[in-house]
PDB file of N, CA and C in Angstrom:
ATOM      1  N   MET A   1       0.813  -1.189   0.000  1.00  0.00           N
ATOM      2  CA  MET A   1       0.000   0.000   0.000  1.00  0.00           C
ATOM      3  C   MET A   1       0.864   1.262   0.000  1.00  0.00           C
ATOM      4  N   ILE A   2       1.949   1.286   0.777  1.00  0.00           N
ATOM      5  CA  ILE A   2       2.822   2.451   0.814  1.00  0.00           C
ATOM      6  C   ILE A   2       3.490   2.650  -0.539  1.00  0.00           C
ATOM      7  N   SER A   3       3.822   1.563  -1.228  1.00  0.00           N
ATOM      8  CA  SER A   3       4.497   1.682  -2.520  1.00  0.00           C
ATOM      9  C   SER A   3       3.637   2.443  -3.529  1.00  0.00           C
ATOM     10  N   ARG A   4       2.336   2.453  -3.311  1.00  0.00           N
ATOM     11  CA  ARG A   4       1.431   3.184  -4.196  1.00  0.00           C
ATOM     12  C   ARG A   4       1.614   4.695  -4.060  1.00  0.00           C
ATOM     13  N   TYR A   5       2.036   5.177  -2.892  1.00  0.00           N
ATOM     14  CA  TYR A   5       2.212   6.615  -2.639  1.00  0.00           C
ATOM     15  C   TYR A   5       3.633   7.112  -2.851  1.00  0.00           C
ATOM     16  N   VAL A   6       4.577   6.217  -3.087  1.00  0.00           N
ATOM     17  CA  VAL A   6       5.975   6.608  -3.236  1.00  0.00           C
ATOM     18  C   VAL A   6       6.169   7.604  -4.386  1.00  0.00           C
ATOM     19  N   PRO A   7       5.617   7.372  -5.584  1.00  0.00           N
ATOM     20  CA  PRO A   7       5.813   8.369  -6.653  1.00  0.00           C
ATOM     21  C   PRO A   7       5.267   9.750  -6.279  1.00  0.00           C
ATOM     22  N   THR A   8       4.128   9.807  -5.597  1.00  0.00           N
ATOM     23  CA  THR A   8       3.558  11.084  -5.182  1.00  0.00           C
ATOM     24  C   THR A   8       4.444  11.751  -4.138  1.00  0.00           C
ATOM     25  N   LEU A   9       4.945  10.963  -3.198  1.00  0.00           N
ATOM     26  CA  LEU A   9       5.833  11.481  -2.171  1.00  0.00           C
ATOM     27  C   LEU A   9       7.121  12.032  -2.775  1.00  0.00           C
ATOM     28  N   ILE A  10       7.706  11.305  -3.720  1.00  0.00           N
ATOM     29  CA  ILE A  10       8.936  11.753  -4.374  1.00  0.00           C
ATOM     30  C   ILE A  10       8.685  13.042  -5.153  1.00  0.00           C
ATOM     31  N   SER A  11       7.575  13.111  -5.862  1.00  0.00           N
ATOM     32  CA  SER A  11       7.240  14.332  -6.615  1.00  0.00           C
ATOM     33  C   SER A  11       7.087  15.517  -5.677  1.00  0.00           C
ATOM     34  N   GLY A  12       6.442  15.301  -4.543  1.00  0.00           N
ATOM     35  CA  GLY A  12       6.267  16.364  -3.561  1.00  0.00           C
ATOM     36  C   GLY A  12       7.592  16.837  -3.001  1.00  0.00           C
ATOM     37  N   LEU A  13       8.495  15.901  -2.706  1.00  0.00           N
ATOM     38  CA  LEU A  13       9.813  16.276  -2.185  1.00  0.00           C
ATOM     39  C   LEU A  13      10.628  17.054  -3.213  1.00  0.00           C
ATOM     40  N   VAL A  14      10.504  16.671  -4.477  1.00  0.00           N
ATOM     41  CA  VAL A  14      11.213  17.392  -5.537  1.00  0.00           C
ATOM     42  C   VAL A  14      10.689  18.819  -5.633  1.00  0.00           C
ATOM     43  N   LEU A  15       9.373  19.002  -5.552  1.00  0.00           N
ATOM     44  CA  LEU A  15       8.786  20.344  -5.618  1.00  0.00           C
ATOM     45  C   LEU A  15       9.215  21.200  -4.425  1.00  0.00           C
ATOM     46  N   VAL A  16       9.248  20.618  -3.249  1.00  0.00           N
ATOM     47  CA  VAL A  16       9.683  21.359  -2.059  1.00  0.00           C
ATOM     48  C   VAL A  16      11.146  21.762  -2.198  1.00  0.00           C
ATOM     49  N   ALA A  17      11.989  20.853  -2.642  1.00  0.00           N
ATOM     50  CA  ALA A  17      13.411  21.155  -2.813  1.00  0.00           C
ATOM     51  C   ALA A  17      13.608  22.256  -3.848  1.00  0.00           C
ATOM     52  N   ALA A  18      12.859  22.198  -4.938  1.00  0.00           N
ATOM     53  CA  ALA A  18      12.978  23.225  -5.979  1.00  0.00           C
ATOM     54  C   ALA A  18      12.550  24.590  -5.458  1.00  0.00           C
ATOM     55  N   SER A  19      11.491  24.629  -4.664  1.00  0.00           N
ATOM     56  CA  SER A  19      11.033  25.923  -4.140  1.00  0.00           C
ATOM     57  C   SER A  19      12.023  26.478  -3.116  1.00  0.00           C
ATOM     58  N   LEU A  20      12.679  25.614  -2.346  1.00  0.00           N
ATOM     59  CA  LEU A  20      13.682  26.073  -1.386  1.00  0.00           C
ATOM     60  C   LEU A  20      14.908  26.634  -2.095  1.00  0.00           C
ATOM     61  N   MET A  21      15.267  26.033  -3.226  1.00  0.00           N
ATOM     62  CA  MET A  21      16.418  26.521  -3.974  1.00  0.00           C
ATOM     63  C   MET A  21      16.073  27.812  -4.705  1.00  0.00           C
ATOM     64  N   ALA A  22      14.849  27.990  -5.148  1.00  0.00           N
ATOM     65  CA  ALA A  22      14.446  29.194  -5.885  1.00  0.00           C
ATOM     66  C   ALA A  22      14.303  30.392  -4.948  1.00  0.00           C
ATOM     67  N   GLY A  23      13.978  30.174  -3.698  1.00  0.00           N
ATOM     68  CA  GLY A  23      13.789  31.264  -2.738  1.00  0.00           C
ATOM     69  C   GLY A  23      14.983  32.193  -2.632  1.00  0.00           C
ATOM     70  N   PRO A  24      16.198  31.682  -2.372  1.00  0.00           N
ATOM     71  CA  PRO A  24      17.367  32.566  -2.297  1.00  0.00           C
ATOM     72  C   PRO A  24      17.654  33.278  -3.617  1.00  0.00           C
ATOM     73  N   ALA A  25      17.395  32.610  -4.741  1.00  0.00           N
ATOM     74  CA  ALA A  25      17.632  33.246  -6.036  1.00  0.00           C
ATOM     75  C   ALA A  25      16.711  34.441  -6.224  1.00  0.00           C
ATOM     76  N   LEU A  26      15.460  34.323  -5.812  1.00  0.00           N
ATOM     77  CA  LEU A  26      14.531  35.445  -5.925  1.00  0.00           C
ATOM     78  C   LEU A  26      14.935  36.576  -4.992  1.00  0.00           C
ATOM     79  N   ALA A  27      15.358  36.244  -3.790  1.00  0.00           N
ATOM     80  CA  ALA A  27      15.795  37.262  -2.841  1.00  0.00           C
ATOM     81  C   ALA A  27      17.033  37.978  -3.371  1.00  0.00           C
ATOM     82  N   GLU A  28      17.934  37.206  -3.987  1.00  0.00           N
ATOM     83  CA  GLU A  28      19.136  37.803  -4.535  1.00  0.00           C
ATOM     84  C   GLU A  28      18.787  38.776  -5.649  1.00  0.00           C
ATOM     85  N   THR A  29      17.833  38.424  -6.477  1.00  0.00           N
ATOM     86  CA  THR A  29      17.407  39.306  -7.554  1.00  0.00           C
ATOM     87  C   THR A  29      16.831  40.601  -6.986  1.00  0.00           C
ATOM     88  N   LYS A  30      16.057  40.510  -5.932  1.00  0.00           N
ATOM     89  CA  LYS A  30      15.515  41.712  -5.298  1.00  0.00           C
ATOM     90  C   LYS A  30      16.630  42.571  -4.724  1.00  0.00           C
ATOM     91  N   ALA A  31      17.613  41.936  -4.113  1.00  0.00           N
ATOM     92  CA  ALA A  31      18.746  42.669  -3.546  1.00  0.00           C
ATOM     93  C   ALA A  31      19.545  43.356  -4.655  1.00  0.00           C
ATOM     94  N   GLN A  32      19.744  42.653  -5.767  1.00  0.00           N
ATOM     95  CA  GLN A  32      20.466  43.247  -6.885  1.00  0.00           C
ATOM     96  C   GLN A  32      19.693  44.432  -7.459  1.00  0.00           C
ATOM     97  N   LYS A  33      18.381  44.308  -7.572  1.00  0.00           N
ATOM     98  CA  LYS A  33      17.563  45.416  -8.075  1.00  0.00           C
ATOM     99  C   LYS A  33      17.647  46.622  -7.149  1.00  0.00           C
ATOM    100  N   ALA A  34      17.606  46.376  -5.850  1.00  0.00           N
ATOM    101  CA  ALA A  34      17.716  47.474  -4.875  1.00  0.00           C
ATOM    102  C   ALA A  34      19.091  48.135  -4.975  1.00  0.00           C
ATOM    103  N   PHE A  35      20.133  47.337  -5.143  1.00  0.00           N
ATOM    104  CA  PHE A  35      21.479  47.872  -5.310  1.00  0.00           C
ATOM    105  C   PHE A  35      21.565  48.752  -6.553  1.00  0.00           C
ATOM    106  N   LEU A  36      21.035  48.268  -7.673  1.00  0.00           N
ATOM    107  CA  LEU A  36      21.073  49.046  -8.912  1.00  0.00           C
ATOM    108  C   LEU A  36      20.290  50.347  -8.779  1.00  0.00           C
ATOM    109  N   GLU A  37      19.181  50.312  -8.078  1.00  0.00           N
ATOM    110  CA  GLU A  37      18.409  51.541  -7.860  1.00  0.00           C
ATOM    111  C   GLU A  37      19.211  52.551  -7.035  1.00  0.00           C
ATOM    112  N   ARG A  38      19.947  52.060  -6.048  1.00  0.00           N
ATOM    113  CA  ARG A  38      20.814  52.953  -5.264  1.00  0.00           C
ATOM    114  C   ARG A  38      21.890  53.574  -6.142  1.00  0.00           C
ATOM    115  N   VAL A  39      22.488  52.759  -7.007  1.00  0.00           N
ATOM    116  CA  VAL A  39      23.537  53.258  -7.896  1.00  0.00           C
ATOM    117  C   VAL A  39      22.958  54.304  -8.851  1.00  0.00           C
ATOM    118  N   LYS A  40      21.794  54.021  -9.414  1.00  0.00           N
ATOM    119  CA  LYS A  40      21.171  54.945 -10.369  1.00  0.00           C
ATOM    120  C   LYS A  40      20.728  56.249  -9.715  1.00  0.00           C
ATOM    121  N   SER A  41      20.540  56.239  -8.412  1.00  0.00           N
ATOM    122  CA  SER A  41      20.090  57.453  -7.729  1.00  0.00           C
ATOM    123  C   SER A  41      21.205  58.488  -7.566  1.00  0.00           C
ATOM    124  N   VAL A  42      22.446  58.095  -7.831  1.00  0.00           N
ATOM    125  CA  VAL A  42      23.570  59.028  -7.763  1.00  0.00           C
ATOM    126  C   VAL A  42      23.454  59.987  -8.948  1.00  0.00           C
ATOM    127  N   SER A  43      23.606  61.269  -8.702  1.00  0.00           N
ATOM    128  CA  SER A  43      23.357  62.281  -9.734  1.00  0.00           C
ATOM    129  C   SER A  43      24.285  62.175 -10.938  1.00  0.00           C
ATOM    130  N   THR A  44      25.464  61.591 -10.775  1.00  0.00           N
ATOM    131  CA  THR A  44      26.397  61.496 -11.900  1.00  0.00           C
ATOM    132  C   THR A  44      26.196  60.232 -12.741  1.00  0.00           C
ATOM    133  N   ILE A  45      25.228  59.410 -12.377  1.00  0.00           N
ATOM    134  CA  ILE A  45      24.992  58.153 -13.092  1.00  0.00           C
ATOM    135  C   ILE A  45      23.601  58.171 -13.720  1.00  0.00           C
ATOM    136  N   ASP A  46      23.568  57.919 -15.041  1.00  0.00           N
ATOM    137  CA  ASP A  46      22.295  57.848 -15.761  1.00  0.00           C
ATOM    138  C   ASP A  46      21.641  56.476 -15.632  1.00  0.00           C
ATOM    139  N   ASP A  47      22.450  55.429 -15.788  1.00  0.00           N
ATOM    140  CA  ASP A  47      21.887  54.082 -15.781  1.00  0.00           C
ATOM    141  C   ASP A  47      22.950  53.092 -15.317  1.00  0.00           C
ATOM    142  N   ALA A  48      22.478  51.933 -14.853  1.00  0.00           N
ATOM    143  CA  ALA A  48      23.378  50.870 -14.406  1.00  0.00           C
ATOM    144  C   ALA A  48      22.661  49.540 -14.560  1.00  0.00           C
ATOM    145  N   LYS A  49      23.422  48.500 -14.828  1.00  0.00           N
ATOM    146  CA  LYS A  49      22.851  47.155 -14.873  1.00  0.00           C
ATOM    147  C   LYS A  49      23.940  46.135 -14.582  1.00  0.00           C
ATOM    148  N   LEU A  50      23.506  44.974 -14.155  1.00  0.00           N
ATOM    149  CA  LEU A  50      24.421  43.854 -13.940  1.00  0.00           C
ATOM    150  C   LEU A  50      24.333  42.956 -15.168  1.00  0.00           C
ATOM    151  N   SER A  51      25.484  42.621 -15.718  1.00  0.00           N
ATOM    152  CA  SER A  51      25.541  41.790 -16.908  1.00  0.00           C
ATOM    153  C   SER A  51      26.639  40.753 -16.711  1.00  0.00           C
ATOM    154  N   ASP A  52      26.246  39.504 -16.584  1.00  0.00           N
ATOM    155  CA  ASP A  52      27.193  38.424 -16.299  1.00  0.00           C
ATOM    156  C   ASP A  52      28.023  38.776 -15.067  1.00  0.00           C
ATOM    157  N   ASP A  53      29.311  38.950 -15.226  1.00  0.00           N
ATOM    158  CA  ASP A  53      30.192  39.261 -14.099  1.00  0.00           C
ATOM    159  C   ASP A  53      30.581  40.737 -14.053  1.00  0.00           C
ATOM    160  N   ALA A  54      29.810  41.584 -14.735  1.00  0.00           N
ATOM    161  CA  ALA A  54      30.161  43.006 -14.816  1.00  0.00           C
ATOM    162  C   ALA A  54      29.029  43.886 -14.310  1.00  0.00           C
ATOM    163  N   LEU A  55      29.421  44.973 -13.683  1.00  0.00           N
ATOM    164  CA  LEU A  55      28.504  46.052 -13.358  1.00  0.00           C
ATOM    165  C   LEU A  55      28.738  47.108 -14.431  1.00  0.00           C
ATOM    166  N   VAL A  56      27.707  47.384 -15.232  1.00  0.00           N
ATOM    167  CA  VAL A  56      27.825  48.324 -16.346  1.00  0.00           C
ATOM    168  C   VAL A  56      27.197  49.644 -15.920  1.00  0.00           C
ATOM    169  N   ILE A  57      27.980  50.713 -16.023  1.00  0.00           N
ATOM    170  CA  ILE A  57      27.556  52.043 -15.581  1.00  0.00           C
ATOM    171  C   ILE A  57      27.582  53.002 -16.776  1.00  0.00           C
ATOM    172  N   TRP A  58      26.498  53.755 -16.944  1.00  0.00           N
ATOM    173  CA  TRP A  58      26.449  54.836 -17.924  1.00  0.00           C
ATOM    174  C   TRP A  58      26.414  56.149 -17.144  1.00  0.00           C
ATOM    175  N   PRO A  59      27.543  56.864 -17.083  1.00  0.00           N
ATOM    176  CA  PRO A  59      27.553  58.151 -16.380  1.00  0.00           C
ATOM    177  C   PRO A  59      26.703  59.177 -17.136  1.00  0.00           C
ATOM    178  N   SER A  60      26.296  60.218 -16.455  1.00  0.00           N
ATOM    179  CA  SER A  60      25.571  61.307 -17.102  1.00  0.00           C
ATOM    180  C   SER A  60      26.491  61.939 -18.147  1.00  0.00           C
ATOM    181  N   PRO A  61      25.982  62.162 -19.358  1.00  0.00           N
ATOM    182  CA  PRO A  61      26.833  62.680 -20.438  1.00  0.00           C
ATOM    183  C   PRO A  61      27.502  64.011 -20.116  1.00  0.00           C
ATOM    184  N   ASP A  62      26.828  64.882 -19.395  1.00  0.00           N
ATOM    185  CA  ASP A  62      27.394  66.204 -19.131  1.00  0.00           C
ATOM    186  C   ASP A  62      28.538  66.190 -18.122  1.00  0.00           C
ATOM    187  N   VAL A  63      28.725  65.104 -17.381  1.00  0.00           N
ATOM    188  CA  VAL A  63      29.804  65.049 -16.390  1.00  0.00           C
ATOM    189  C   VAL A  63      30.786  63.899 -16.620  1.00  0.00           C
ATOM    190  N   GLN A  64      30.529  63.074 -17.617  1.00  0.00           N
ATOM    191  CA  GLN A  64      31.332  61.858 -17.762  1.00  0.00           C
ATOM    192  C   GLN A  64      32.804  62.125 -18.069  1.00  0.00           C
ATOM    193  N   THR A  65      33.134  63.252 -18.679  1.00  0.00           N
ATOM    194  CA  THR A  65      34.539  63.511 -18.980  1.00  0.00           C
ATOM    195  C   THR A  65      35.328  63.949 -17.756  1.00  0.00           C
ATOM    196  N   GLY A  66      34.657  64.450 -16.738  1.00  0.00           N
ATOM    197  CA  GLY A  66      35.361  64.936 -15.563  1.00  0.00           C
ATOM    198  C   GLY A  66      35.296  64.024 -14.352  1.00  0.00           C
ATOM    199  N   LEU A  67      34.749  62.838 -14.504  1.00  0.00           N
ATOM    200  CA  LEU A  67      34.597  61.939 -13.356  1.00  0.00           C
ATOM    201  C   LEU A  67      35.912  61.257 -12.991  1.00  0.00           C
ATOM    202  N   ASP A  68      36.068  60.971 -11.724  1.00  0.00           N
ATOM    203  CA  ASP A  68      37.211  60.213 -11.222  1.00  0.00           C
ATOM    204  C   ASP A  68      36.780  58.740 -11.194  1.00  0.00           C
ATOM    205  N   TYR A  69      37.054  58.037 -12.294  1.00  0.00           N
ATOM    206  CA  TYR A  69      36.598  56.655 -12.427  1.00  0.00           C
ATOM    207  C   TYR A  69      37.292  55.713 -11.450  1.00  0.00           C
ATOM    208  N   ASP A  70      38.522  56.010 -11.092  1.00  0.00           N
ATOM    209  CA  ASP A  70      39.213  55.170 -10.106  1.00  0.00           C
ATOM    210  C   ASP A  70      38.509  55.252  -8.745  1.00  0.00           C
ATOM    211  N   ALA A  71      38.167  56.463  -8.338  1.00  0.00           N
ATOM    212  CA  ALA A  71      37.481  56.636  -7.049  1.00  0.00           C
ATOM    213  C   ALA A  71      36.098  55.983  -7.085  1.00  0.00           C
ATOM    214  N   MET A  72      35.379  56.162  -8.196  1.00  0.00           N
ATOM    215  CA  MET A  72      34.061  55.523  -8.320  1.00  0.00           C
ATOM    216  C   MET A  72      34.197  54.002  -8.312  1.00  0.00           C
ATOM    217  N   GLY A  73      35.206  53.503  -9.009  1.00  0.00           N
ATOM    218  CA  GLY A  73      35.436  52.059  -9.047  1.00  0.00           C
ATOM    219  C   GLY A  73      35.746  51.501  -7.670  1.00  0.00           C
ATOM    220  N   GLN A  74      36.600  52.196  -6.933  1.00  0.00           N
ATOM    221  CA  GLN A  74      36.925  51.747  -5.574  1.00  0.00           C
ATOM    222  C   GLN A  74      35.679  51.714  -4.707  1.00  0.00           C
ATOM    223  N   GLN A  75      34.869  52.733  -4.811  1.00  0.00           N
ATOM    224  CA  GLN A  75      33.643  52.805  -4.007  1.00  0.00           C
ATOM    225  C   GLN A  75      32.673  51.676  -4.372  1.00  0.00           C
ATOM    226  N   LEU A  76      32.455  51.487  -5.679  1.00  0.00           N
ATOM    227  CA  LEU A  76      31.506  50.470  -6.124  1.00  0.00           C
ATOM    228  C   LEU A  76      32.023  49.051  -5.894  1.00  0.00           C
ATOM    229  N   CYS A  77      33.316  48.865  -5.901  1.00  0.00           N
ATOM    230  CA  CYS A  77      33.885  47.527  -5.701  1.00  0.00           C
ATOM    231  C   CYS A  77      33.774  47.046  -4.259  1.00  0.00           C
ATOM    232  N   GLN A  78      33.388  47.907  -3.350  1.00  0.00           N
ATOM    233  CA  GLN A  78      33.238  47.481  -1.963  1.00  0.00           C
ATOM    234  C   GLN A  78      32.155  46.419  -1.818  1.00  0.00           C
ATOM    235  N   GLU A  79      31.246  46.344  -2.772  1.00  0.00           N
ATOM    236  CA  GLU A  79      30.145  45.389  -2.676  1.00  0.00           C
ATOM    237  C   GLU A  79      30.148  44.345  -3.787  1.00  0.00           C
ATOM    238  N   TYR A  80      31.274  44.191  -4.481  1.00  0.00           N
ATOM    239  CA  TYR A  80      31.291  43.286  -5.626  1.00  0.00           C
ATOM    240  C   TYR A  80      31.015  41.830  -5.247  1.00  0.00           C
ATOM    241  N   LYS A  81      31.469  41.401  -4.093  1.00  0.00           N
ATOM    242  CA  LYS A  81      31.231  40.018  -3.682  1.00  0.00           C
ATOM    243  C   LYS A  81      29.754  39.775  -3.368  1.00  0.00           C
ATOM    244  N   VAL A  82      29.096  40.769  -2.831  1.00  0.00           N
ATOM    245  CA  VAL A  82      27.690  40.636  -2.452  1.00  0.00           C
ATOM    246  C   VAL A  82      26.802  40.497  -3.689  1.00  0.00           C
ATOM    247  N   TYR A  83      27.087  41.291  -4.732  1.00  0.00           N
ATOM    248  CA  TYR A  83      26.204  41.337  -5.896  1.00  0.00           C
ATOM    249  C   TYR A  83      26.743  40.596  -7.103  1.00  0.00           C
ATOM    250  N   GLY A  84      27.896  39.996  -6.999  1.00  0.00           N
ATOM    251  CA  GLY A  84      28.377  39.058  -8.005  1.00  0.00           C
ATOM    252  C   GLY A  84      29.015  39.640  -9.252  1.00  0.00           C
ATOM    253  N   TYR A  85      29.576  40.834  -9.185  1.00  0.00           N
ATOM    254  CA  TYR A  85      30.299  41.354 -10.347  1.00  0.00           C
ATOM    255  C   TYR A  85      31.780  41.399 -10.022  1.00  0.00           C
ATOM    256  N   LEU A  86      32.601  41.253 -11.057  1.00  0.00           N
ATOM    257  CA  LEU A  86      34.049  41.230 -10.877  1.00  0.00           C
ATOM    258  C   LEU A  86      34.717  42.467 -11.466  1.00  0.00           C
ATOM    259  N   VAL A  87      34.009  43.136 -12.355  1.00  0.00           N
ATOM    260  CA  VAL A  87      34.562  44.293 -13.050  1.00  0.00           C
ATOM    261  C   VAL A  87      33.460  45.331 -13.236  1.00  0.00           C
ATOM    262  N   ILE A  88      33.867  46.588 -13.313  1.00  0.00           N
ATOM    263  CA  ILE A  88      32.921  47.667 -13.593  1.00  0.00           C
ATOM    264  C   ILE A  88      33.297  48.259 -14.942  1.00  0.00           C
ATOM    265  N   TRP A  89      32.321  48.348 -15.817  1.00  0.00           N
ATOM    266  CA  TRP A  89      32.527  48.968 -17.124  1.00  0.00           C
ATOM    267  C   TRP A  89      31.817  50.312 -17.133  1.00  0.00           C
ATOM    268  N   PHE A  90      32.558  51.378 -17.333  1.00  0.00           N
ATOM    269  CA  PHE A  90      31.983  52.711 -17.470  1.00  0.00           C
ATOM    270  C   PHE A  90      31.819  52.973 -18.966  1.00  0.00           C
ATOM    271  N   MET A  91      30.597  53.151 -19.391  1.00  0.00           N
ATOM    272  CA  MET A  91      30.280  53.285 -20.811  1.00  0.00           C
ATOM    273  C   MET A  91      30.080  54.756 -21.194  1.00  0.00           C
ATOM    274  N   ASP A  92      30.302  55.056 -22.456  1.00  0.00           N
ATOM    275  CA  ASP A  92      30.169  56.406 -22.990  1.00  0.00           C
ATOM    276  C   ASP A  92      28.696  56.694 -23.292  1.00  0.00           C
ATOM    277  N   SER A  93      28.049  57.429 -22.407  1.00  0.00           N
ATOM    278  CA  SER A  93      26.628  57.754 -22.571  1.00  0.00           C
ATOM    279  C   SER A  93      26.393  58.693 -23.748  1.00  0.00           C
ATOM    280  N   SER A  94      27.292  59.638 -23.946  1.00  0.00           N
ATOM    281  CA  SER A  94      27.140  60.599 -25.046  1.00  0.00           C
ATOM    282  C   SER A  94      27.145  59.896 -26.394  1.00  0.00           C
ATOM    283  N   LYS A  95      28.091  59.018 -26.582  1.00  0.00           N
ATOM    284  CA  LYS A  95      28.199  58.288 -27.854  1.00  0.00           C
ATOM    285  C   LYS A  95      26.974  57.406 -28.063  1.00  0.00           C
ATOM    286  N   TYR A  96      26.520  56.780 -26.993  1.00  0.00           N
ATOM    287  CA  TYR A  96      25.345  55.923 -27.135  1.00  0.00           C
ATOM    288  C   TYR A  96      24.111  56.751 -27.511  1.00  0.00           C
ATOM    289  N   ARG A  97      23.958  57.905 -26.898  1.00  0.00           N
ATOM    290  CA  ARG A  97      22.806  58.755 -27.213  1.00  0.00           C
ATOM    291  C   ARG A  97      22.867  59.278 -28.647  1.00  0.00           C
ATOM    292  N   ARG A  98      24.080  59.642 -29.110  1.00  0.00           N
ATOM    293  CA  ARG A  98      24.234  60.193 -30.462  1.00  0.00           C
ATOM    294  C   ARG A  98      24.130  59.128 -31.540  1.00  0.00           C
ATOM    295  N   GLU A  99      24.893  58.037 -31.351  1.00  0.00           N
ATOM    296  CA  GLU A  99      25.084  57.064 -32.424  1.00  0.00           C
ATOM    297  C   GLU A  99      24.516  55.681 -32.133  1.00  0.00           C
ATOM    298  N   LYS A 100      23.933  55.489 -30.957  1.00  0.00           N
ATOM    299  CA  LYS A 100      23.436  54.178 -30.522  1.00  0.00           C
ATOM    300  C   LYS A 100      24.535  53.121 -30.601  1.00  0.00           C
ATOM    301  N   GLU A 101      25.761  53.564 -30.287  1.00  0.00           N
ATOM    302  CA  GLU A 101      26.912  52.673 -30.314  1.00  0.00           C
ATOM    303  C   GLU A 101      27.494  52.560 -28.910  1.00  0.00           C
ATOM    304  N   MET A 102      27.830  51.338 -28.521  1.00  0.00           N
ATOM    305  CA  MET A 102      28.413  51.092 -27.204  1.00  0.00           C
ATOM    306  C   MET A 102      29.931  51.304 -27.278  1.00  0.00           C
ATOM    307  N   ALA A 103      30.438  52.126 -26.372  1.00  0.00           N
ATOM    308  CA  ALA A 103      31.876  52.356 -26.274  1.00  0.00           C
ATOM    309  C   ALA A 103      32.232  52.497 -24.799  1.00  0.00           C
ATOM    310  N   MET A 104      33.313  51.841 -24.403  1.00  0.00           N
ATOM    311  CA  MET A 104      33.728  51.880 -23.011  1.00  0.00           C
ATOM    312  C   MET A 104      34.665  53.061 -22.772  1.00  0.00           C
ATOM    313  N   LEU A 105      34.406  53.785 -21.702  1.00  0.00           N
ATOM    314  CA  LEU A 105      35.291  54.867 -21.294  1.00  0.00           C
ATOM    315  C   LEU A 105      36.454  54.320 -20.476  1.00  0.00           C
ATOM    316  N   GLN A 106      36.120  53.428 -19.543  1.00  0.00           N
ATOM    317  CA  GLN A 106      37.129  52.874 -18.646  1.00  0.00           C
ATOM    318  C   GLN A 106      36.551  51.644 -17.966  1.00  0.00           C
ATOM    319  N   SER A 107      37.420  50.758 -17.542  1.00  0.00           N
ATOM    320  CA  SER A 107      36.981  49.615 -16.750  1.00  0.00           C
ATOM    321  C   SER A 107      37.761  49.601 -15.441  1.00  0.00           C
ATOM    322  N   TYR A 108      37.169  48.968 -14.449  1.00  0.00           N
ATOM    323  CA  TYR A 108      37.799  48.875 -13.139  1.00  0.00           C
ATOM    324  C   TYR A 108      37.611  47.449 -12.646  1.00  0.00           C
ATOM    325  N   VAL A 109      38.705  46.772 -12.339  1.00  0.00           N
ATOM    326  CA  VAL A 109      38.667  45.382 -11.882  1.00  0.00           C
ATOM    327  C   VAL A 109      38.554  45.363 -10.368  1.00  0.00           C
ATOM    328  N   CYS A 110      37.585  44.589  -9.869  1.00  0.00           N
ATOM    329  CA  CYS A 110      37.308  44.559  -8.440  1.00  0.00           C
ATOM    330  C   CYS A 110      38.026  43.446  -7.680  1.00  0.00           C
ATOM    331  N   LEU A 111      38.600  42.508  -8.352  1.00  0.00           N
ATOM    332  CA  LEU A 111      39.252  41.398  -7.659  1.00  0.00           C
ATOM    333  C   LEU A 111      40.401  41.897  -6.820  1.00  0.00           C
ATOM    334  N   GLU A 112      40.468  41.369  -5.610  1.00  0.00           N
ATOM    335  CA  GLU A 112      41.551  41.744  -4.706  1.00  0.00           C
ATOM    336  C   GLU A 112      42.822  41.025  -5.089  1.00  0.00           C
ATOM    337  N   ASP A 113      43.951  41.640  -4.805  1.00  0.00           N
ATOM    338  CA  ASP A 113      45.238  40.973  -5.052  1.00  0.00           C
ATOM    339  C   ASP A 113      45.347  39.788  -4.113  1.00  0.00           C
ATOM    340  N   VAL A 114      45.819  38.671  -4.667  1.00  0.00           N
ATOM    341  CA  VAL A 114      45.943  37.450  -3.887  1.00  0.00           C
ATOM    342  C   VAL A 114      47.291  37.373  -3.253  1.00  0.00           C
TER     343      VAL A 114
END
């Protein structure tokens, strides 16, 4: 009689395990979204997104030539382990707005020296 319920029990356990594994992933996505919103709220930044192992930043076009990218990179890299990026790419917002072409202004590597 118990053998009749084994497939149902196994299916239920698989569903529970899948939902437990999906929970942290959803929370992480919410945390990443909150982080990106904080980054975008800085007046010198137009947009930001996480892409694979990179944090991609589009500075405001009117200030992008005068920004201290090293200082910004150091500041943003303080949380790289939490949000899963290894490098920051600062993109040329002016060029993208004019020509719809992606061009990098500077990159900053967040990995610590070993």
